[in-house]
Amino acid sequence: MKKHLVALLAMAFAAVGLTVVTAPAANAVGCVGESCYNKGPVSMGCTKDQRAIAIDPQTNYTYVYYSPACQAVWAISFAAPTIGYPCHTVSLERARSNLIVQGRLTQQFCPGEKSEWTNMFPKGWYFRAIDDEGPGYNTWYTPWVFR
């Protein structure tokens, strides 16, 4: 009788274990790593666990964000509430250890929009964000950061 009970309990634990393994994650994301290339962080669910990994030290308006779940990086810029500048661009540059730019994703950002983000690059590079406010205005950079 004990053998049957132990076998029955072992099967029950195995079934529970299989259910846990095969159940979808509560915070599932739409892409991971290379599959995130040039996709939007919001539409892919990557902003759920985003972390700022670099900030423009002059204005604190431009950031590089990283998502551990997506294993991807993107840039974002927040509008200064009192500045009336024309449309500008927010870019995410990627480079290898020599910091020679090997890729750039850019998004236009216009007055009245609260924030704008670039599409994503997979991790494994050096990254920096650039906020170019256009002719006659400043260009802001975050420090390079490896992720």
Protein backbone atom coordinates (compact mmCIF):
# COMPACT_ATOMS: atom_id res chain seq x y z
CA MET A 1 0.00 0.00 0.00
CA LYS A 2 2.83 2.40 0.89
CA LYS A 3 4.50 1.76 -2.48
CA HIS A 4 1.30 2.73 -4.32
CA LEU A 5 0.91 5.89 -2.22
CA VAL A 6 4.55 6.91 -2.82
CA ALA A 7 4.16 6.25 -6.57
CA LEU A 8 0.91 8.25 -6.65
CA LEU A 9 2.55 11.18 -4.79
CA ALA A 10 5.56 11.07 -7.12
CA MET A 11 3.25 11.24 -10.15
CA ALA A 12 1.33 14.14 -8.58
CA PHE A 13 4.55 16.10 -7.92
CA ALA A 14 5.76 15.37 -11.44
CA ALA A 15 2.47 16.64 -12.90
CA VAL A 16 2.68 19.82 -10.81
CA GLY A 17 6.29 20.29 -11.85
CA LEU A 18 5.37 19.93 -15.53
CA THR A 19 2.54 22.42 -15.13
CA VAL A 20 4.87 24.97 -13.55
CA VAL A 21 7.48 24.50 -16.27
CA THR A 22 5.02 24.75 -19.16
CA ALA A 23 2.89 27.62 -17.79
CA PRO A 24 3.52 30.96 -19.57
CA ALA A 25 5.40 33.59 -17.62
CA ALA A 26 3.22 36.29 -16.11
CA ASN A 27 5.47 39.01 -17.53
CA ALA A 28 6.07 37.46 -20.95
CA VAL A 29 7.75 39.75 -23.48
CA GLY A 30 7.42 39.82 -27.26
CA CYS A 31 11.12 39.43 -28.08
CA VAL A 32 14.45 38.47 -26.53
CA GLY A 33 17.96 39.45 -27.62
CA GLU A 34 18.51 39.41 -31.39
CA SER A 35 14.79 39.08 -32.07
CA CYS A 36 14.32 42.56 -30.51
CA TYR A 37 16.44 44.28 -33.17
CA ASN A 38 14.67 47.44 -34.44
CA LYS A 39 11.44 46.68 -32.55
CA GLY A 40 9.63 49.07 -30.20
CA PRO A 41 10.21 48.58 -26.47
CA VAL A 42 6.61 49.42 -25.53
CA SER A 43 4.92 47.17 -28.10
CA MET A 44 7.25 44.27 -27.14
CA GLY A 45 6.54 44.64 -23.40
CA CYS A 46 10.17 45.47 -22.61
CA THR A 47 9.33 48.53 -20.51
CA LYS A 48 7.90 46.33 -17.72
CA ASP A 49 11.34 45.79 -16.20
CA GLN A 50 13.25 48.70 -17.77
CA ARG A 51 16.28 50.14 -15.99
CA ALA A 52 18.05 53.40 -16.76
CA ILE A 53 21.70 52.53 -17.37
CA ALA A 54 22.92 55.94 -18.63
CA ILE A 55 21.61 59.49 -18.22
CA ASP A 56 22.61 62.70 -19.99
CA PRO A 57 24.44 64.53 -17.17
CA GLN A 58 23.72 68.05 -18.44
CA THR A 59 19.91 67.96 -18.64
CA ASN A 60 18.79 64.61 -17.17
CA TYR A 61 16.24 64.35 -20.03
CA THR A 62 17.92 61.71 -22.22
CA TYR A 63 18.41 58.10 -21.11
CA VAL A 64 19.63 54.69 -22.22
CA TYR A 65 17.31 51.98 -20.92
CA TYR A 66 17.85 48.22 -20.63
CA SER A 67 15.36 45.39 -20.16
CA PRO A 68 16.73 42.21 -18.53
CA ALA A 69 13.70 40.22 -19.77
CA CYS A 70 14.18 41.37 -23.37
CA GLN A 71 17.99 41.58 -23.16
CA ALA A 72 17.72 44.75 -25.25
CA VAL A 73 18.58 48.45 -25.05
CA TRP A 74 16.87 51.64 -26.29
CA ALA A 75 17.15 55.41 -25.89
CA ILE A 76 14.47 57.78 -24.66
CA SER A 77 14.18 61.53 -24.24
CA PHE A 78 11.69 63.37 -22.08
CA ALA A 79 10.57 66.86 -23.05
CA ALA A 80 11.61 69.72 -20.83
CA PRO A 81 8.32 71.31 -19.74
CA THR A 82 9.29 74.92 -20.51
CA ILE A 83 11.44 74.57 -23.63
CA GLY A 84 9.82 75.36 -26.98
CA TYR A 85 12.19 73.80 -29.52
CA PRO A 86 11.40 72.41 -32.97
CA CYS A 87 11.22 68.70 -33.75
CA HIS A 88 14.49 66.99 -32.93
CA THR A 89 15.91 63.49 -33.06
CA VAL A 90 16.69 60.95 -30.38
CA SER A 91 19.25 58.34 -31.40
CA LEU A 92 20.76 55.23 -29.89
CA GLU A 93 24.28 54.51 -31.10
CA ARG A 94 26.05 51.19 -30.66
CA ALA A 95 29.76 50.48 -30.86
CA ARG A 96 32.32 47.85 -30.00
CA SER A 97 35.07 48.48 -27.42
CA ASN A 98 36.86 50.95 -29.74
CA LEU A 99 33.74 53.19 -29.56
CA ILE A 100 33.55 53.57 -33.33
CA VAL A 101 29.82 53.76 -34.07
CA GLN A 102 28.61 50.67 -35.93
CA GLY A 103 24.88 51.26 -35.81
CA ARG A 104 22.29 53.92 -35.04
CA LEU A 105 18.53 53.85 -34.50
CA THR A 106 16.83 57.26 -34.65
CA GLN A 107 13.36 58.56 -33.86
CA GLN A 108 11.95 62.05 -34.40
CA PHE A 109 10.47 63.82 -31.39
CA CYS A 110 8.24 66.92 -31.75
CA PRO A 111 6.86 69.52 -29.30
CA GLY A 112 3.77 68.42 -27.43
CA GLU A 113 4.94 64.80 -27.11
CA LYS A 114 5.93 63.87 -23.56
CA SER A 115 8.61 61.38 -24.52
CA GLU A 116 10.01 59.51 -27.48
CA TRP A 117 12.03 56.33 -27.63
CA THR A 118 14.07 54.63 -30.27
CA ASN A 119 13.65 51.05 -31.34
CA MET A 120 15.92 48.49 -29.69
CA PHE A 121 19.30 46.89 -30.17
CA PRO A 122 20.16 43.56 -28.51
CA LYS A 123 22.66 43.67 -25.64
CA GLY A 124 26.36 42.93 -26.06
CA TRP A 125 27.56 46.35 -27.26
CA TYR A 126 28.51 49.79 -25.96
CA PHE A 127 25.61 52.24 -26.19
CA ARG A 128 24.93 55.94 -25.86
CA ALA A 129 21.87 58.11 -26.43
CA ILE A 130 21.94 61.37 -28.35
CA ASP A 131 19.31 64.11 -28.23
CA ASP A 132 19.85 66.46 -31.19
CA GLU A 133 17.57 69.46 -30.82
CA GLY A 134 18.23 70.68 -34.34
CA PRO A 135 20.07 73.59 -36.00
CA GLY A 136 20.87 76.38 -33.56
CA TYR A 137 20.12 74.21 -30.53
CA ASN A 138 22.20 71.90 -28.37
CA THR A 139 23.04 68.23 -28.84
CA TRP A 140 23.12 66.17 -25.65
CA TYR A 141 24.89 62.83 -25.10
CA THR A 142 24.76 60.18 -22.42
CA PRO A 143 28.05 58.53 -21.49
CA TRP A 144 28.89 55.28 -23.29
CA VAL A 145 27.72 52.26 -21.33
CA PHE A 146 28.21 48.53 -21.94
CA ARG A 147 25.27 46.21 -21.68
